[in-house]
């Protein structure tokens, strides 16, 4: 133990004696680790934000959406959840769950709405009164759409806060009218703010009664519904999921061997799907950035080889005084590991600060989260780089003949 402490002290002293060179040598490690930590912190912050978003949907919710296979996409085909599918579900599972159908009235990309002379491009959504319960979002001013609105196809709507601002409407615009397509709709509510996810505002929308939206669509056959189901008894969640899948397969007349062209997921599954995509992207980015750590290791090896050459006489004196090849090798190896580990620790600090700075400067990014495993892996990997690329210089120093080393000029 005493030998190890003396070796580490000697290694630290050598690094301190050549501070500038040591800093430049470790710079690659610092940049590599800082990049890894910054990337991981930003993407993990996104993952945590997604978890919070989907946790708000509730544990007793199911989501039904169409799913088009890659082969069908190549052939220009698109799967849709049709009105007939919704009606079939409504007849079959109404006593088990509350259904909330939703579709985009003006297409997937939205459309233009106006208030007076001010226009704004936004999503136009049609849904049912249960939408607010399934999505856990409620009006902060006024009211939500009601069943009476749907049955009488009233031209009423509720707005997201971002759209209200874009249309230059007052903070309380209840009773005012906005134009959606060729129809005028009365504003009856303003929804609670939900912020942004991945740079996209969740408050930039207008929502109207389901039947009103259907009346505004030219071709109802082109509608692609998304259906949320709130299970009345959570214990029936899996049973209801199987029931929904069975009903949809019958409604869509799928053969026994045919794959589903729809997806039935819980809120947790939706969140996990997005998290898995983020984790995959994180892994790819970390892998790309990690290459710089290997390049940095080569730099450490080169500098350590130069150091061995510079200290040849010192090595000869140490061996003449009784130092073993093992102790010489351990000293140079410890210096390489210490150099890379210090670079790793500095990189962790800079990476954390960089991730936090990016999250604060870019409003659309959630708060950065640095998991403990990212810090541990970065520091350990830095140390391993020092071990791997410090072995050759350390072995070269250990193999030096003391007489030849003392004669070295």
Protein backbone atom coordinates (compact mmCIF):
# COMPACT_ATOMS: atom_id res chain seq x y z
CA UNK A 1 0.00 0.00 0.00
CA UNK A 2 2.87 2.33 0.87
CA UNK A 3 4.49 1.60 -2.50
CA UNK A 4 1.23 2.41 -4.27
CA UNK A 5 0.88 5.74 -2.43
CA UNK A 6 4.49 6.67 -3.21
CA UNK A 7 3.94 5.77 -6.85
CA UNK A 8 0.80 7.90 -7.09
CA UNK A 9 2.59 10.79 -5.37
CA UNK A 10 5.47 10.54 -7.85
CA UNK A 11 3.01 10.40 -10.76
CA UNK A 12 1.14 13.45 -9.49
CA UNK A 13 4.44 15.28 -9.01
CA UNK A 14 5.49 14.52 -12.59
CA UNK A 15 2.14 15.77 -13.92
CA UNK A 16 2.39 18.95 -11.86
CA UNK A 17 6.00 19.55 -13.00
CA UNK A 18 4.82 19.55 -16.63
CA UNK A 19 1.42 21.16 -16.03
CA UNK A 20 0.94 22.72 -19.47
CA UNK A 21 1.98 19.60 -21.35
CA UNK A 22 -0.21 17.46 -19.09
CA UNK A 23 -3.18 19.76 -19.68
CA UNK A 24 -2.76 19.64 -23.45
CA UNK A 25 -2.35 15.85 -23.29
CA UNK A 26 -5.56 15.45 -21.28
CA UNK A 27 -7.48 17.97 -23.41
CA UNK A 28 -8.76 15.26 -25.74
CA UNK A 29 -10.08 13.28 -22.75
CA UNK A 30 -11.69 16.44 -21.34
CA UNK A 31 -13.45 17.25 -24.63
CA UNK A 32 -14.55 13.63 -25.19
CA UNK A 33 -15.97 13.12 -21.70
CA UNK A 34 -17.57 16.59 -21.64
CA UNK A 35 -19.30 15.83 -24.95
CA UNK A 36 -20.57 12.48 -23.69
CA UNK A 37 -21.90 13.95 -20.44
CA UNK A 38 -23.53 16.91 -22.23
CA UNK A 39 -25.24 14.65 -24.80
CA UNK A 40 -26.40 12.16 -22.16
CA UNK A 41 -27.68 14.91 -19.82
CA UNK A 42 -29.74 16.56 -22.58
CA UNK A 43 -31.27 13.32 -23.89
CA UNK A 44 -31.92 11.96 -20.40
CA UNK A 45 -33.63 15.24 -19.55
CA UNK A 46 -35.87 14.70 -22.58
CA UNK A 47 -36.55 11.13 -21.45
CA UNK A 48 -37.50 12.30 -17.95
CA UNK A 49 -39.75 14.98 -19.42
CA UNK A 50 -41.52 12.38 -21.58
CA UNK A 51 -42.04 10.20 -18.51
CA UNK A 52 -43.69 13.10 -16.70
CA UNK A 53 -45.88 13.92 -19.70
CA UNK A 54 -47.19 10.38 -20.08
CA UNK A 55 -47.51 9.86 -16.33
CA UNK A 56 -50.15 12.59 -16.45
CA UNK A 57 -52.28 10.55 -18.84
CA UNK A 58 -53.13 8.11 -16.10
CA UNK A 59 -52.51 4.42 -15.53
CA UNK A 60 -56.03 3.40 -16.67
CA UNK A 61 -55.84 4.75 -20.21
CA UNK A 62 -55.55 2.97 -23.55
CA UNK A 63 -54.67 4.63 -26.82
CA UNK A 64 -55.72 3.30 -30.24
CA UNK A 65 -54.05 4.52 -33.41
CA UNK A 66 -53.45 3.26 -36.94
CA UNK A 67 -50.11 1.69 -37.81
CA UNK A 68 -48.85 1.37 -41.38
CA UNK A 69 -46.19 -1.22 -42.13
CA UNK A 70 -43.00 -0.17 -43.90
CA UNK A 71 -43.92 -2.22 -46.98
CA UNK A 72 -47.29 -0.47 -47.28
CA UNK A 73 -45.65 2.92 -46.85
CA UNK A 74 -43.34 2.15 -49.78
CA UNK A 75 -46.41 1.33 -51.88
CA UNK A 76 -48.15 4.58 -50.90
CA UNK A 77 -50.74 2.90 -48.68
CA UNK A 78 -51.85 4.26 -45.34
CA UNK A 79 -53.77 2.56 -42.57
CA UNK A 80 -56.56 4.57 -40.92
CA UNK A 81 -58.88 4.16 -37.96
CA UNK A 82 -62.26 4.85 -39.56
CA UNK A 83 -65.55 6.12 -38.16
CA UNK A 84 -66.94 2.59 -38.53
CA UNK A 85 -64.15 1.25 -36.27
CA UNK A 86 -65.04 3.81 -33.62
CA UNK A 87 -68.74 2.97 -33.83
CA UNK A 88 -67.95 -0.74 -33.50
CA UNK A 89 -65.84 -0.06 -30.41
CA UNK A 90 -68.53 2.18 -28.99
CA UNK A 91 -71.07 -0.62 -29.29
CA UNK A 92 -68.74 -3.29 -27.87
CA UNK A 93 -66.81 -1.69 -24.99
CA UNK A 94 -68.93 1.23 -23.89
CA UNK A 95 -69.81 -0.42 -20.57
CA UNK A 96 -66.11 -1.02 -19.81
CA UNK A 97 -64.58 2.32 -20.75
CA UNK A 98 -65.16 5.93 -21.75
CA UNK A 99 -64.18 6.56 -25.37
CA UNK A 100 -62.70 9.79 -26.68
CA UNK A 101 -62.26 9.94 -30.50
CA UNK A 102 -59.96 12.59 -31.93
CA UNK A 103 -58.95 13.63 -35.44
CA UNK A 104 -57.29 16.55 -37.22
CA UNK A 105 -59.98 18.50 -39.05
CA UNK A 106 -57.59 20.27 -41.45
CA UNK A 107 -55.11 17.44 -41.97
CA UNK A 108 -52.03 16.20 -40.14
CA UNK A 109 -50.15 19.44 -40.61
CA UNK A 110 -52.90 21.82 -39.50
CA UNK A 111 -54.47 24.81 -41.20
CA UNK A 112 -55.03 28.55 -41.02
CA UNK A 113 -57.44 30.15 -38.56
CA UNK A 114 -58.12 33.86 -38.16
CA UNK A 115 -59.48 36.40 -35.72
CA UNK A 116 -60.28 39.65 -37.48
CA UNK A 117 -57.29 40.44 -39.69
CA UNK A 118 -54.86 38.27 -37.73
CA UNK A 119 -54.13 34.80 -39.08
CA UNK A 120 -52.27 31.88 -37.50
CA UNK A 121 -51.36 28.38 -38.63
CA UNK A 122 -52.33 25.76 -36.06
CA UNK A 123 -53.71 22.29 -35.39
CA UNK A 124 -57.49 22.03 -35.64
CA UNK A 125 -58.72 19.13 -33.48
CA UNK A 126 -62.17 17.62 -33.15
CA UNK A 127 -62.94 15.50 -30.12
CA UNK A 128 -65.48 14.61 -27.45
CA UNK A 129 -66.09 16.02 -23.95
CA UNK A 130 -64.09 13.15 -22.41
CA UNK A 131 -60.93 14.40 -24.16
CA UNK A 132 -60.12 16.59 -21.17
CA UNK A 133 -60.21 13.59 -18.81
CA UNK A 134 -58.21 11.24 -21.01
CA UNK A 135 -55.51 13.87 -21.65
CA UNK A 136 -55.68 15.32 -18.12
CA UNK A 137 -55.99 18.89 -19.38
CA UNK A 138 -58.74 21.27 -18.31
CA UNK A 139 -59.90 24.83 -19.10
CA UNK A 140 -58.36 27.65 -17.10
CA UNK A 141 -60.95 30.12 -18.44
CA UNK A 142 -64.49 29.31 -19.47
CA UNK A 143 -65.62 25.74 -20.14
CA UNK A 144 -64.83 22.71 -22.27
CA UNK A 145 -67.04 21.37 -25.06
CA UNK A 146 -70.09 19.47 -23.85
CA UNK A 147 -72.20 16.57 -25.06
CA UNK A 148 -74.91 19.09 -26.00
CA UNK A 149 -72.38 20.88 -28.23
CA UNK A 150 -71.65 17.61 -30.02
CA UNK A 151 -75.26 16.56 -30.45
CA UNK A 152 -76.33 19.93 -31.88
CA UNK A 153 -73.07 20.45 -33.84
CA UNK A 154 -72.58 23.87 -32.32
CA UNK A 155 -69.86 26.06 -33.81
CA UNK A 156 -67.95 26.45 -30.54
CA UNK A 157 -64.28 25.87 -29.72
CA UNK A 158 -61.63 26.05 -27.02
CA UNK A 159 -58.12 27.42 -27.66
CA UNK A 160 -54.63 26.69 -26.44
CA UNK A 161 -52.79 29.59 -24.83
CA UNK A 162 -50.19 29.83 -27.61
CA UNK A 163 -52.87 30.15 -30.29
CA UNK A 164 -54.66 32.82 -28.25
CA UNK A 165 -51.44 34.84 -28.19
CA UNK A 166 -50.78 34.27 -31.90
CA UNK A 167 -54.26 35.56 -32.76
CA UNK A 168 -53.75 38.64 -30.53
CA UNK A 169 -56.90 37.82 -28.58
CA UNK A 170 -57.40 39.31 -25.08
CA UNK A 171 -56.60 37.22 -22.01
CA UNK A 172 -60.31 36.52 -21.64
CA UNK A 173 -61.62 36.06 -25.20
CA UNK A 174 -64.81 34.21 -24.22
CA UNK A 175 -67.65 35.04 -26.57
CA UNK A 176 -65.42 36.18 -29.43
CA UNK A 177 -65.42 34.43 -32.81
CA UNK A 178 -62.59 32.98 -34.85
CA UNK A 179 -62.75 31.71 -38.41
CA UNK A 180 -61.76 28.08 -39.09
CA UNK A 181 -61.81 27.34 -42.80
CA UNK A 182 -65.11 28.79 -43.96
CA UNK A 183 -66.85 28.47 -40.57
CA UNK A 184 -67.05 30.91 -37.67
CA UNK A 185 -66.70 29.38 -34.20
CA UNK A 186 -67.38 30.95 -30.82
CA UNK A 187 -64.60 30.74 -28.22
CA UNK A 188 -65.98 29.19 -25.02
CA UNK A 189 -62.76 28.30 -23.19
CA UNK A 190 -58.98 28.65 -22.91
CA UNK A 191 -57.07 25.52 -21.90
CA UNK A 192 -54.35 25.16 -19.28
CA UNK A 193 -50.79 25.63 -20.48
CA UNK A 194 -48.65 22.50 -20.97
CA UNK A 195 -45.42 23.99 -22.35
CA UNK A 196 -43.21 22.55 -25.07
CA UNK A 197 -41.87 19.10 -25.94
CA UNK A 198 -38.91 18.80 -28.37
CA UNK A 199 -39.44 22.42 -29.39
CA UNK A 200 -43.12 21.96 -30.30
CA UNK A 201 -45.75 23.85 -28.36
CA UNK A 202 -48.51 21.74 -26.81
CA UNK A 203 -50.69 24.84 -26.52
CA UNK A 204 -50.92 25.73 -30.20
CA UNK A 205 -54.29 24.23 -31.14
CA UNK A 206 -58.01 24.83 -31.43
CA UNK A 207 -60.45 22.10 -30.37
CA UNK A 208 -64.08 21.77 -31.44
CA UNK A 209 -66.90 19.21 -30.91
CA UNK A 210 -66.46 15.92 -32.73
CA UNK A 211 -69.67 16.18 -34.77
CA UNK A 212 -68.86 19.78 -35.71
CA UNK A 213 -65.49 18.67 -37.04
CA UNK A 214 -67.12 15.86 -39.04
CA UNK A 215 -69.48 18.37 -40.65
CA UNK A 216 -66.49 20.48 -41.79
CA UNK A 217 -64.64 17.58 -43.44
CA UNK A 218 -65.16 17.08 -47.17
CA UNK A 219 -64.44 13.33 -47.25
CA UNK A 220 -65.13 11.42 -44.02
CA UNK A 221 -63.45 8.31 -45.52
CA UNK A 222 -60.08 10.08 -45.29
CA UNK A 223 -60.36 10.68 -41.55
CA UNK A 224 -57.77 8.94 -39.39
CA UNK A 225 -59.05 8.71 -35.83
CA UNK A 226 -57.08 8.39 -32.61
CA UNK A 227 -59.15 6.90 -29.82
CA UNK A 228 -58.44 7.19 -26.10
CA UNK A 229 -60.19 4.81 -23.74
CA UNK A 230 -60.47 5.41 -20.01
CA UNK A 231 -61.02 2.12 -18.19
CA UNK A 232 -63.58 2.34 -15.43
CA UNK A 233 -61.92 -0.49 -13.49
CA UNK A 234 -58.14 -0.63 -13.75
CA UNK A 235 -58.19 -4.37 -13.13
CA UNK A 236 -59.91 -4.77 -16.51
CA UNK A 237 -57.10 -2.99 -18.40
CA UNK A 238 -55.55 -6.09 -20.00
CA UNK A 239 -58.95 -7.64 -20.66
CA UNK A 240 -60.13 -4.42 -22.33
CA UNK A 241 -56.96 -4.23 -24.43
CA UNK A 242 -57.54 -7.75 -25.75
CA UNK A 243 -61.21 -6.95 -26.34
CA UNK A 244 -60.37 -3.80 -28.30
CA UNK A 245 -57.84 -5.66 -30.44
CA UNK A 246 -60.36 -8.42 -31.17
CA UNK A 247 -63.13 -5.95 -32.06
CA UNK A 248 -60.86 -3.93 -34.34
CA UNK A 249 -59.64 -7.03 -36.18
CA UNK A 250 -63.27 -8.01 -36.80
CA UNK A 251 -64.23 -4.48 -37.83
CA UNK A 252 -61.29 -4.24 -40.22
CA UNK A 253 -61.88 -7.81 -41.53
CA UNK A 254 -58.33 -8.98 -40.93
CA UNK A 255 -57.51 -12.63 -41.59
CA UNK A 256 -56.23 -14.78 -38.74
CA UNK A 257 -52.72 -14.75 -40.20
CA UNK A 258 -52.71 -11.03 -41.05
CA UNK A 259 -50.77 -8.69 -38.74
CA UNK A 260 -52.53 -5.84 -36.94
CA UNK A 261 -52.64 -2.58 -38.88
CA UNK A 262 -53.35 -0.67 -35.67
CA UNK A 263 -51.73 -0.21 -32.28
CA UNK A 264 -53.34 -0.44 -28.85
CA UNK A 265 -51.06 0.91 -26.12
CA UNK A 266 -51.19 2.02 -22.52
CA UNK A 267 -49.80 5.39 -21.48
CA UNK A 268 -46.75 3.62 -20.02
CA UNK A 269 -46.12 1.79 -23.29
CA UNK A 270 -46.35 5.02 -25.27
CA UNK A 271 -43.82 6.64 -22.96
CA UNK A 272 -41.52 3.61 -23.09
CA UNK A 273 -41.61 3.61 -26.90
CA UNK A 274 -40.46 7.21 -27.08
CA UNK A 275 -37.86 6.63 -24.36
CA UNK A 276 -36.43 3.66 -26.26
CA UNK A 277 -36.01 5.86 -29.35
CA UNK A 278 -34.27 8.53 -27.28
CA UNK A 279 -32.00 5.95 -25.64
CA UNK A 280 -31.07 4.57 -29.07
CA UNK A 281 -30.20 8.05 -30.35
CA UNK A 282 -28.23 8.70 -27.15
CA UNK A 283 -26.23 5.50 -27.64
CA UNK A 284 -25.40 6.42 -31.25
CA UNK A 285 -24.28 9.93 -30.26
CA UNK A 286 -22.22 8.65 -27.34
CA UNK A 287 -20.59 6.06 -29.60
CA UNK A 288 -19.62 8.72 -32.13
CA UNK A 289 -18.30 11.07 -29.45
CA UNK A 290 -16.53 8.16 -27.71
CA UNK A 291 -14.21 7.79 -30.71
CA UNK A 292 -12.53 11.02 -29.58
CA UNK A 293 -11.58 9.28 -26.33
CA UNK A 294 -9.66 6.64 -28.28
CA UNK A 295 -7.89 9.37 -30.26
CA UNK A 296 -7.05 11.04 -26.96
CA UNK A 297 -5.59 7.74 -25.72
CA UNK A 298 -3.21 7.69 -28.68
CA UNK A 299 -2.14 11.21 -27.73
CA UNK A 300 -1.47 10.10 -24.16
CA UNK A 301 0.63 7.18 -25.43
CA UNK A 302 2.71 9.48 -27.64
CA UNK A 303 3.36 11.94 -24.82
CA UNK A 304 4.25 9.14 -22.41
CA UNK A 305 6.72 7.69 -24.95
CA UNK A 306 8.33 11.13 -25.18
CA UNK A 307 8.41 11.27 -21.40
CA UNK A 308 10.18 7.89 -21.23
CA UNK A 309 12.80 9.16 -23.66
CA UNK A 310 13.28 12.39 -21.69
CA UNK A 311 13.64 10.54 -18.39
CA UNK A 312 15.91 7.72 -19.58
CA UNK A 313 18.80 8.76 -17.30
CA UNK A 314 16.38 9.16 -14.38
CA UNK A 315 15.15 5.60 -14.99
CA UNK A 316 18.76 4.35 -15.10
CA UNK A 317 19.55 6.05 -11.77
CA UNK A 318 16.43 4.57 -10.17
CA UNK A 319 17.33 1.07 -11.37
CA UNK A 320 20.94 1.49 -10.21
CA UNK A 321 19.62 2.39 -6.75
CA UNK A 322 17.56 -0.81 -6.63
CA UNK A 323 14.23 0.06 -8.27
CA UNK A 324 12.64 -2.97 -9.88
CA UNK A 325 11.21 -3.10 -13.39
CA UNK A 326 7.78 -3.60 -11.78
CA UNK A 327 8.01 -0.36 -9.79
CA UNK A 328 9.21 1.59 -12.87
CA UNK A 329 6.34 0.19 -14.94
CA UNK A 330 3.83 0.95 -12.19
CA UNK A 331 5.05 4.55 -11.93
CA UNK A 332 4.62 5.32 -15.64
CA UNK A 333 1.33 3.43 -15.82
CA UNK A 334 0.03 5.32 -12.79
CA UNK A 335 0.99 8.60 -14.43
CA UNK A 336 -0.97 7.73 -17.59
CA UNK A 337 -4.03 6.57 -15.63
CA UNK A 338 -3.96 9.60 -13.32
CA UNK A 339 -3.63 11.94 -16.30
CA UNK A 340 -6.65 10.43 -18.08
CA UNK A 341 -8.71 10.19 -14.87
CA UNK A 342 -8.13 13.87 -14.08
CA UNK A 343 -9.14 14.71 -17.64
CA UNK A 344 -12.27 12.58 -17.17
CA UNK A 345 -13.26 14.40 -13.95
CA UNK A 346 -12.73 17.81 -15.54
CA UNK A 347 -14.74 16.62 -18.55
CA UNK A 348 -17.62 15.53 -16.29
CA UNK A 349 -17.79 18.99 -14.69
CA UNK A 350 -17.62 20.80 -18.04
CA UNK A 351 -20.16 18.41 -19.61
CA UNK A 352 -22.64 18.91 -16.77
CA UNK A 353 -22.25 22.69 -17.03
CA UNK A 354 -22.61 22.50 -20.83
CA UNK A 355 -25.82 20.45 -20.63
CA UNK A 356 -27.31 22.78 -18.01
CA UNK A 357 -26.33 25.83 -20.10
CA UNK A 358 -27.90 24.37 -23.26
CA UNK A 359 -31.13 23.61 -21.38
CA UNK A 360 -31.31 27.15 -20.01
CA UNK A 361 -30.50 28.89 -23.30
CA UNK A 362 -32.84 26.79 -25.48
CA UNK A 363 -36.40 27.19 -24.16
CA UNK A 364 -37.68 24.04 -25.87
CA UNK A 365 -35.20 21.77 -24.04
CA UNK A 366 -36.19 20.29 -20.67
CA UNK A 367 -33.84 20.51 -17.69
CA UNK A 368 -30.64 18.48 -18.13
CA UNK A 369 -30.39 15.26 -16.10
CA UNK A 370 -27.01 13.61 -15.47
CA UNK A 371 -27.50 9.99 -14.33
CA UNK A 372 -24.90 8.56 -11.94
CA UNK A 373 -24.05 5.75 -14.34
CA UNK A 374 -22.96 8.22 -17.01
CA UNK A 375 -20.47 9.82 -14.61
CA UNK A 376 -19.13 6.45 -13.43
CA UNK A 377 -18.80 5.06 -16.96
CA UNK A 378 -17.06 8.21 -18.21
CA UNK A 379 -14.47 8.25 -15.42
CA UNK A 380 -13.89 4.47 -15.56
CA UNK A 381 -13.57 4.56 -19.34
CA UNK A 382 -11.10 7.42 -19.07
CA UNK A 383 -9.04 5.38 -16.62
CA UNK A 384 -9.16 2.38 -18.95
CA UNK A 385 -7.90 4.56 -21.80
CA UNK A 386 -4.97 5.51 -19.56
CA UNK A 387 -4.28 1.84 -18.76
CA UNK A 388 -4.53 0.63 -22.37
CA UNK A 389 -2.47 3.39 -23.94
CA UNK A 390 -0.07 3.71 -21.00
CA UNK A 391 1.01 0.06 -21.08
CA UNK A 392 3.39 0.43 -24.04
CA UNK A 393 5.32 3.41 -22.65
CA UNK A 394 5.41 1.83 -19.17
CA UNK A 395 6.68 -1.47 -20.57
CA UNK A 396 9.34 0.36 -22.58
CA UNK A 397 10.53 2.17 -19.47
CA UNK A 398 10.58 -1.06 -17.43
CA UNK A 399 12.67 -2.88 -20.06
CA UNK A 400 15.44 -0.27 -20.17
CA UNK A 401 18.88 -1.58 -19.23
CA UNK A 402 20.26 0.50 -16.33
CA UNK A 403 23.76 0.77 -17.84
CA UNK A 404 22.46 1.89 -21.26
CA UNK A 405 20.07 4.27 -19.53
CA UNK A 406 22.87 5.89 -17.53
CA UNK A 407 24.92 6.34 -20.70
CA UNK A 408 22.00 7.99 -22.54
CA UNK A 409 22.66 11.63 -23.48
